[in-house]
Amino acid sequence: MLAAACGAPAVAWGQQGLRLNKDDLQKRANGVLAVMSFSIVPDITTSSLNIGSGGGSTSGSNEFFMTQLGGGDTISDSVPIYLEGVLAASRYDPTFIATQGAEARRIPTKWNSVSATGGIGWDFKLTDELKLRPIFNFALGNVTSDLRAASWYVGQRTGKDIDFLDRGSLNAYGLGGSIMLDYEHYRPGYEVDVELRYSDIRLQSFDSSAAVSGNAVAQSANLWARYRAPTGIVLLQRPLRYVLELTHSEFLGDQKGILGFDRLTSVGAGLELDSSAYDVFITRTRLVGRYVFGNNVSGFSVGLAVSF
C-alpha cells in the first residue's frame, strides 16, 4: 500500500558500496512525512490503523501501525479559548528487494515514529448551538530507522544514504491551522453533536541525518456526528446512554493515496456511562465499536473515550 512513499530502492554496489538513488531517497523522505501527517491531525478514522502486506518476492512488503491519543475542549462559555492536543506513535516496516543479476535479496527495515500536536483556538458564537472555531496548530515529530540486515552489507563501503536506513533519524516540525464548525443540540431526552473540520498543516524536516530532508502537506476535511440517548437502564444514579457515531474523512494534499485510500468512513455504536453523580474527575466514559471502510480498505476498531 505504501509503494507511493517507499517503493523498492535502486541499489548498486561494488567499489562504490551500497547506494540509493538520490531521487528515490528524496521521495522516501517526503513519503515518511506524508505518512506521519496522518498522526498529527485529530481524526477518529485514523486514530488506530494497522495495515499489513503479504510482501511479494520481487516488490518488497510494507506493514504500518499507528495509534493516536488526543482530545480537546473549550475552557468555558465566559473564556471561549479552545485547546487540543494529540500524541501519536507509529511503526512502519518496509521490506526492500535488492537485486544483483539473477539474485534477489530482501532488506527488512524498521521505522518508528512519534509525534505530538497542539492547537489553540477561539470560539465565535454564531447561534446558541453553533460555533465557528479557528485553530492554530503546531506539531513536532521524529522518525528513527533501524536496518535489520546489517550482516548483508558488512564489509561493503556504504554512503550516507544507507546510513539513514541504519539507525538514522528524521526530525520534523509542522505549522498550520484548522477551521471548525461545532453544532451542539442538547435536550433532556437526547444529545446531538456535529463537527465539520478542515485542517492544513505543513511538515518540514530539520536537524536530520545528512542524507535525508523532506516536506509534506497534511490536508484533510472531516465530518463527525454523534447521537446519544438513554437506554432506560440506570447505573451510578444516572441513565446509561447508547451512542451512535458517523465519521467521514477526505484526505487531500500529500495524504491522498499514500496509504492506498483517499477517504475513510466510520460508523459506530456503543454505550456511555455517566459518573457525574459522584465526586470523581471523569464524568462520562464511552466504549464504542466502529466499522471503518474506504476505497481499498476496511476494518474494525474499538475506542475508549472519557469526558471531564
Protein backbone atom coordinates (compact mmCIF):
# COMPACT_ATOMS: atom_id res chain seq x y z
CA MET A 1 0.00 0.00 0.00
CA LEU A 2 2.83 2.37 0.70
CA ALA A 3 4.52 1.95 -2.65
CA ALA A 4 4.00 5.64 -3.40
CA ALA A 5 6.09 6.55 -0.38
CA CYS A 6 8.51 3.71 -0.12
CA GLY A 7 8.92 1.67 -3.26
CA ALA A 8 11.91 -0.66 -3.53
CA PRO A 9 15.04 1.47 -3.99
CA ALA A 10 17.52 1.19 -6.79
CA VAL A 11 20.66 -0.31 -5.24
CA ALA A 12 24.12 -0.70 -6.71
CA TRP A 13 27.35 -1.88 -5.17
CA GLY A 14 30.88 -2.80 -5.95
CA GLN A 15 33.72 -0.40 -5.38
CA GLN A 16 31.21 2.32 -4.54
CA GLY A 17 29.45 0.15 -1.93
CA LEU A 18 25.69 0.28 -1.38
CA ARG A 19 23.98 3.35 -2.77
CA LEU A 20 20.40 4.53 -3.04
CA ASN A 21 19.13 6.54 -5.96
CA LYS A 22 19.07 10.17 -4.77
CA ASP A 23 15.65 10.91 -6.26
CA ASP A 24 14.16 7.78 -4.69
CA LEU A 25 15.64 8.69 -1.32
CA GLN A 26 14.12 12.18 -1.50
CA LYS A 27 10.73 10.71 -2.38
CA ARG A 28 11.12 8.32 0.54
CA ALA A 29 11.83 11.16 2.99
CA ASN A 30 8.78 13.04 1.72
CA GLY A 31 6.75 9.83 1.94
CA VAL A 32 7.76 9.25 5.57
CA LEU A 33 6.49 12.72 6.46
CA ALA A 34 3.31 12.17 4.45
CA VAL A 35 2.65 9.04 6.50
CA MET A 36 3.42 10.98 9.70
CA SER A 37 0.84 13.58 8.67
CA PHE A 38 -1.94 11.11 9.46
CA SER A 39 -0.90 11.12 13.12
CA ILE A 40 -0.75 14.88 13.67
CA VAL A 41 -4.40 15.70 12.81
CA PRO A 42 -7.14 14.60 15.28
CA ASP A 43 -9.34 12.15 13.35
CA ILE A 44 -11.37 9.18 14.60
CA THR A 45 -11.00 7.33 11.30
CA THR A 46 -7.18 7.27 11.63
CA SER A 47 -6.83 7.16 15.42
CA SER A 48 -5.92 3.48 15.11
CA LEU A 49 -4.56 2.00 11.89
CA ASN A 50 -2.99 -1.41 11.34
CA ILE A 51 -2.22 -2.19 7.71
CA GLY A 52 -0.34 -5.30 6.65
CA SER A 53 1.03 -6.52 3.35
CA GLY A 54 1.74 -10.03 2.20
CA GLY A 55 5.04 -8.95 0.70
CA GLY A 56 5.71 -10.35 -2.74
CA SER A 57 9.09 -11.84 -3.54
CA THR A 58 10.02 -9.19 -6.10
CA SER A 59 8.44 -5.97 -4.92
CA GLY A 60 9.02 -5.95 -1.18
CA SER A 61 6.40 -5.53 1.51
CA ASN A 62 5.16 -2.84 3.86
CA GLU A 63 3.49 -3.02 7.26
CA PHE A 64 2.10 0.05 9.01
CA PHE A 65 0.71 0.54 12.51
CA MET A 66 -0.44 3.77 14.13
CA THR A 67 -2.22 4.69 17.34
CA GLN A 68 -3.35 8.11 18.46
CA LEU A 69 -4.45 9.61 21.79
CA GLY A 70 -5.90 13.09 21.91
CA GLY A 71 -8.66 15.43 22.93
CA GLY A 72 -9.85 19.00 23.01
CA ASP A 73 -12.31 21.28 24.76
CA THR A 74 -13.30 24.89 25.34
CA ILE A 75 -12.30 26.31 28.73
CA SER A 76 -15.72 27.82 29.46
CA ASP A 77 -18.50 29.92 27.96
CA SER A 78 -17.03 33.03 29.55
CA VAL A 79 -13.47 32.15 28.39
CA PRO A 80 -14.05 30.69 24.88
CA ILE A 81 -10.46 29.54 24.36
CA TYR A 82 -10.29 26.11 22.73
CA LEU A 83 -7.31 23.82 23.47
CA GLU A 84 -6.47 20.48 21.87
CA GLY A 85 -3.59 18.02 21.90
CA VAL A 86 -2.65 14.77 20.17
CA LEU A 87 0.06 12.22 20.94
CA ALA A 88 0.73 9.51 18.37
CA ALA A 89 3.12 6.67 17.68
CA SER A 90 3.55 4.61 14.54
CA ARG A 91 5.71 1.81 13.19
CA TYR A 92 6.38 1.32 9.52
CA ASP A 93 8.26 -1.83 8.46
CA PRO A 94 9.11 -1.63 4.77
CA THR A 95 10.98 -4.55 3.22
CA PHE A 96 13.02 -3.68 0.14
CA ILE A 97 14.13 -6.05 -2.61
CA ALA A 98 17.66 -5.55 -3.95
CA THR A 99 18.93 -7.46 -6.98
CA GLN A 100 22.30 -8.30 -8.43
CA GLY A 101 21.82 -10.03 -11.73
CA ALA A 102 19.55 -13.03 -11.15
CA GLU A 103 19.99 -12.88 -7.38
CA ALA A 104 17.45 -11.04 -5.20
CA ARG A 105 17.76 -10.23 -1.51
CA ARG A 106 15.20 -8.93 0.97
CA ILE A 107 16.27 -5.98 3.14
CA PRO A 108 13.91 -5.57 6.13
CA THR A 109 13.91 -2.23 7.94
CA LYS A 110 12.02 -0.82 10.89
CA TRP A 111 11.00 2.83 11.11
CA ASN A 112 9.46 4.11 14.37
CA SER A 113 7.72 7.46 14.59
CA VAL A 114 6.44 9.58 17.48
CA SER A 115 4.67 12.92 17.19
CA ALA A 116 2.86 15.49 19.28
CA THR A 117 0.42 18.14 18.09
CA GLY A 118 -1.07 21.09 19.92
CA GLY A 119 -3.77 23.53 18.99
CA ILE A 120 -5.22 26.73 20.36
CA GLY A 121 -8.37 28.36 19.05
CA TRP A 122 -11.22 30.70 19.83
CA ASP A 123 -14.98 30.02 19.76
CA PHE A 124 -17.06 32.56 17.87
CA LYS A 125 -20.69 32.03 18.81
CA LEU A 126 -22.92 32.18 15.72
CA THR A 127 -26.08 30.96 17.46
CA ASP A 128 -26.87 29.37 20.81
CA GLU A 129 -25.97 25.98 19.34
CA LEU A 130 -23.48 26.76 16.57
CA LYS A 131 -19.85 27.94 16.93
CA LEU A 132 -17.15 28.85 14.43
CA ARG A 133 -13.72 27.80 15.72
CA PRO A 134 -10.44 28.79 14.01
CA ILE A 135 -7.44 26.87 15.43
CA PHE A 136 -3.69 27.42 15.20
CA ASN A 137 -1.84 24.08 15.13
CA PHE A 138 1.79 23.18 15.74
CA ALA A 139 3.44 19.75 15.66
CA LEU A 140 6.76 18.03 16.33
CA GLY A 141 7.77 14.54 15.22
CA ASN A 142 10.69 12.14 14.89
CA VAL A 143 11.33 9.05 12.74
CA THR A 144 14.17 6.66 13.55
CA SER A 145 15.36 3.89 11.24
CA ASP A 146 16.99 0.56 12.01
CA LEU A 147 18.36 -1.64 9.24
CA ARG A 148 17.95 -5.21 10.45
CA ALA A 149 20.02 -6.81 7.72
CA ALA A 150 23.41 -5.45 8.72
CA SER A 151 25.18 -8.73 8.06
CA TRP A 152 24.21 -8.48 4.40
CA TYR A 153 26.43 -5.47 3.76
CA VAL A 154 29.17 -5.97 6.34
CA GLY A 155 32.48 -5.26 4.65
CA GLN A 156 30.89 -3.09 1.97
CA ARG A 157 31.63 0.60 1.63
CA THR A 158 28.43 2.46 2.41
CA GLY A 159 27.35 6.02 1.81
CA LYS A 160 25.30 8.48 3.83
CA ASP A 161 22.08 7.33 2.20
CA ILE A 162 22.48 3.81 3.62
CA ASP A 163 23.48 5.39 6.93
CA PHE A 164 19.94 6.76 7.19
CA LEU A 165 18.46 3.26 6.90
CA ASP A 166 20.88 2.03 9.57
CA ARG A 167 19.96 3.89 12.78
CA GLY A 168 19.27 7.18 11.01
CA SER A 169 16.88 9.86 12.21
CA LEU A 170 14.49 12.34 10.63
CA ASN A 171 13.04 15.20 12.72
CA ALA A 172 10.14 17.33 11.57
CA TYR A 173 8.07 20.26 12.73
CA GLY A 174 4.70 21.36 11.49
CA LEU A 175 2.78 24.64 11.44
CA GLY A 176 -0.69 25.29 10.17
CA GLY A 177 -4.28 25.63 11.22
CA SER A 178 -7.82 24.32 11.18
CA ILE A 179 -11.29 25.77 10.87
CA MET A 180 -14.22 24.05 12.54
CA LEU A 181 -18.00 24.40 12.73
CA ASP A 182 -19.28 22.94 16.02
CA TYR A 183 -23.01 22.23 16.45
CA GLU A 184 -24.34 21.15 19.87
CA HIS A 185 -28.04 20.34 20.22
CA TYR A 186 -28.78 19.11 23.75
CA ARG A 187 -32.23 18.14 25.01
CA PRO A 188 -33.34 16.19 28.13
CA GLY A 189 -34.12 13.08 26.07
CA TYR A 190 -31.17 13.11 23.65
CA GLU A 191 -27.98 14.91 22.63
CA VAL A 192 -26.64 15.64 19.13
CA ASP A 193 -23.07 16.77 18.34
CA VAL A 194 -21.84 17.58 14.82
CA GLU A 195 -18.40 18.91 13.84
CA LEU A 196 -17.16 19.87 10.39
CA ARG A 197 -13.40 20.46 10.23
CA TYR A 198 -10.79 21.36 7.62
CA SER A 199 -7.10 21.10 8.58
CA ASP A 200 -3.95 22.24 6.78
CA ILE A 201 -0.58 21.61 8.48
CA ARG A 202 2.79 21.85 6.69
CA LEU A 203 5.55 19.47 7.81
CA GLN A 204 9.26 20.20 7.25
CA SER A 205 12.30 18.18 8.32
CA PHE A 206 15.13 19.72 10.37
CA ASP A 207 18.33 18.59 12.10
CA SER A 208 18.12 15.14 10.47
CA SER A 209 20.52 12.58 9.03
CA ALA A 210 22.68 14.10 6.32
CA ALA A 211 21.16 12.03 3.53
CA VAL A 212 17.52 13.00 4.01
CA SER A 213 15.36 16.09 4.12
CA GLY A 214 11.71 16.25 3.30
CA ASN A 215 8.41 18.05 3.50
CA ALA A 216 4.74 17.15 3.36
CA VAL A 217 1.33 18.83 3.48
CA ALA A 218 -1.30 17.39 5.82
CA GLN A 219 -4.68 18.41 4.47
CA SER A 220 -7.98 16.79 5.35
CA ALA A 221 -11.69 17.51 5.64
CA ASN A 222 -13.69 15.67 8.29
CA LEU A 223 -17.37 15.37 9.25
CA TRP A 224 -18.13 13.86 12.66
CA ALA A 225 -21.58 13.31 14.21
CA ARG A 226 -22.73 11.68 17.45
CA TYR A 227 -26.19 10.88 18.84
CA ARG A 228 -26.70 9.94 22.49
CA ALA A 229 -29.92 8.88 24.25
CA PRO A 230 -30.90 6.92 27.40
CA THR A 231 -31.26 3.14 27.20
CA GLY A 232 -33.74 3.03 30.08
CA ILE A 233 -31.15 1.45 32.39
CA VAL A 234 -29.86 3.39 35.41
CA LEU A 235 -26.27 2.89 36.59
CA LEU A 236 -24.34 5.01 39.11
CA GLN A 237 -27.55 7.01 39.69
CA ARG A 238 -27.56 8.19 36.08
CA PRO A 239 -29.10 6.88 32.84
CA LEU A 240 -26.92 4.56 30.81
CA ARG A 241 -26.85 6.00 27.30
CA TYR A 242 -26.42 4.37 23.93
CA VAL A 243 -24.17 6.14 21.44
CA LEU A 244 -24.33 6.25 17.63
CA GLU A 245 -21.50 7.78 15.59
CA LEU A 246 -20.74 8.65 11.98
CA THR A 247 -17.42 10.00 10.70
CA HIS A 248 -16.23 10.68 7.17
CA SER A 249 -12.76 11.97 6.23
CA GLU A 250 -11.44 13.16 2.88
CA PHE A 251 -7.63 13.16 2.64
CA LEU A 252 -6.08 15.84 0.48
CA GLY A 253 -2.58 17.08 -0.28
CA ASP A 254 0.22 14.56 0.32
CA GLN A 255 -2.09 12.34 2.38
CA LYS A 256 -4.15 11.48 -0.68
CA GLY A 257 -3.49 7.89 -1.71
CA ILE A 258 -0.29 7.50 0.35
CA LEU A 259 -1.81 4.59 2.32
CA GLY A 260 -3.85 3.29 -0.61
CA PHE A 261 -7.05 5.27 0.03
CA ASP A 262 -8.36 8.81 -0.45
CA ARG A 263 -11.21 8.72 2.07
CA LEU A 264 -12.43 6.79 5.08
CA THR A 265 -15.89 6.40 6.62
CA SER A 266 -16.58 5.11 10.11
CA VAL A 267 -19.91 4.03 11.62
CA GLY A 268 -20.03 3.13 15.29
CA ALA A 269 -22.26 2.17 18.19
CA GLY A 270 -21.60 1.84 21.88
CA LEU A 271 -22.51 2.75 25.45
CA GLU A 272 -21.80 5.72 27.67
CA LEU A 273 -21.59 5.51 31.46
CA ASP A 274 -22.34 8.72 33.40
CA SER A 275 -20.46 9.05 36.71
CA SER A 276 -21.23 12.74 37.33
CA ALA A 277 -23.32 11.90 40.41
CA TYR A 278 -20.09 11.15 42.27
CA ASP A 279 -17.14 13.33 43.19
CA VAL A 280 -14.79 11.89 40.55
CA PHE A 281 -12.61 13.51 37.91
CA ILE A 282 -14.14 11.58 35.00
CA THR A 283 -17.79 12.41 34.37
CA ARG A 284 -18.50 10.16 31.37
CA THR A 285 -16.90 7.04 29.90
CA ARG A 286 -17.71 5.81 26.39
CA LEU A 287 -16.94 2.49 24.76
CA VAL A 288 -17.65 2.48 21.02
CA GLY A 289 -17.12 -0.20 18.38
CA ARG A 290 -16.59 1.07 14.85
CA TYR A 291 -16.56 -0.33 11.33
CA VAL A 292 -14.22 1.64 9.07
CA PHE A 293 -14.22 1.41 5.29
CA GLY A 294 -12.92 3.25 2.24
CA ASN A 295 -11.55 2.58 -1.21
CA ASN A 296 -9.20 -0.44 -0.97
CA VAL A 297 -9.53 -0.80 2.81
CA SER A 298 -11.93 -1.90 5.55
CA GLY A 299 -11.66 -2.94 9.19
CA PHE A 300 -12.94 -2.76 12.75
CA SER A 301 -11.84 -0.85 15.84
CA VAL A 302 -12.86 -0.31 19.46
CA GLY A 303 -12.48 3.12 21.02
CA LEU A 304 -12.46 4.20 24.67
CA ALA A 305 -13.10 7.86 25.49
CA VAL A 306 -13.71 9.90 28.64
CA SER A 307 -15.12 13.33 29.41
CA PHE A 308 -14.08 15.56 32.29
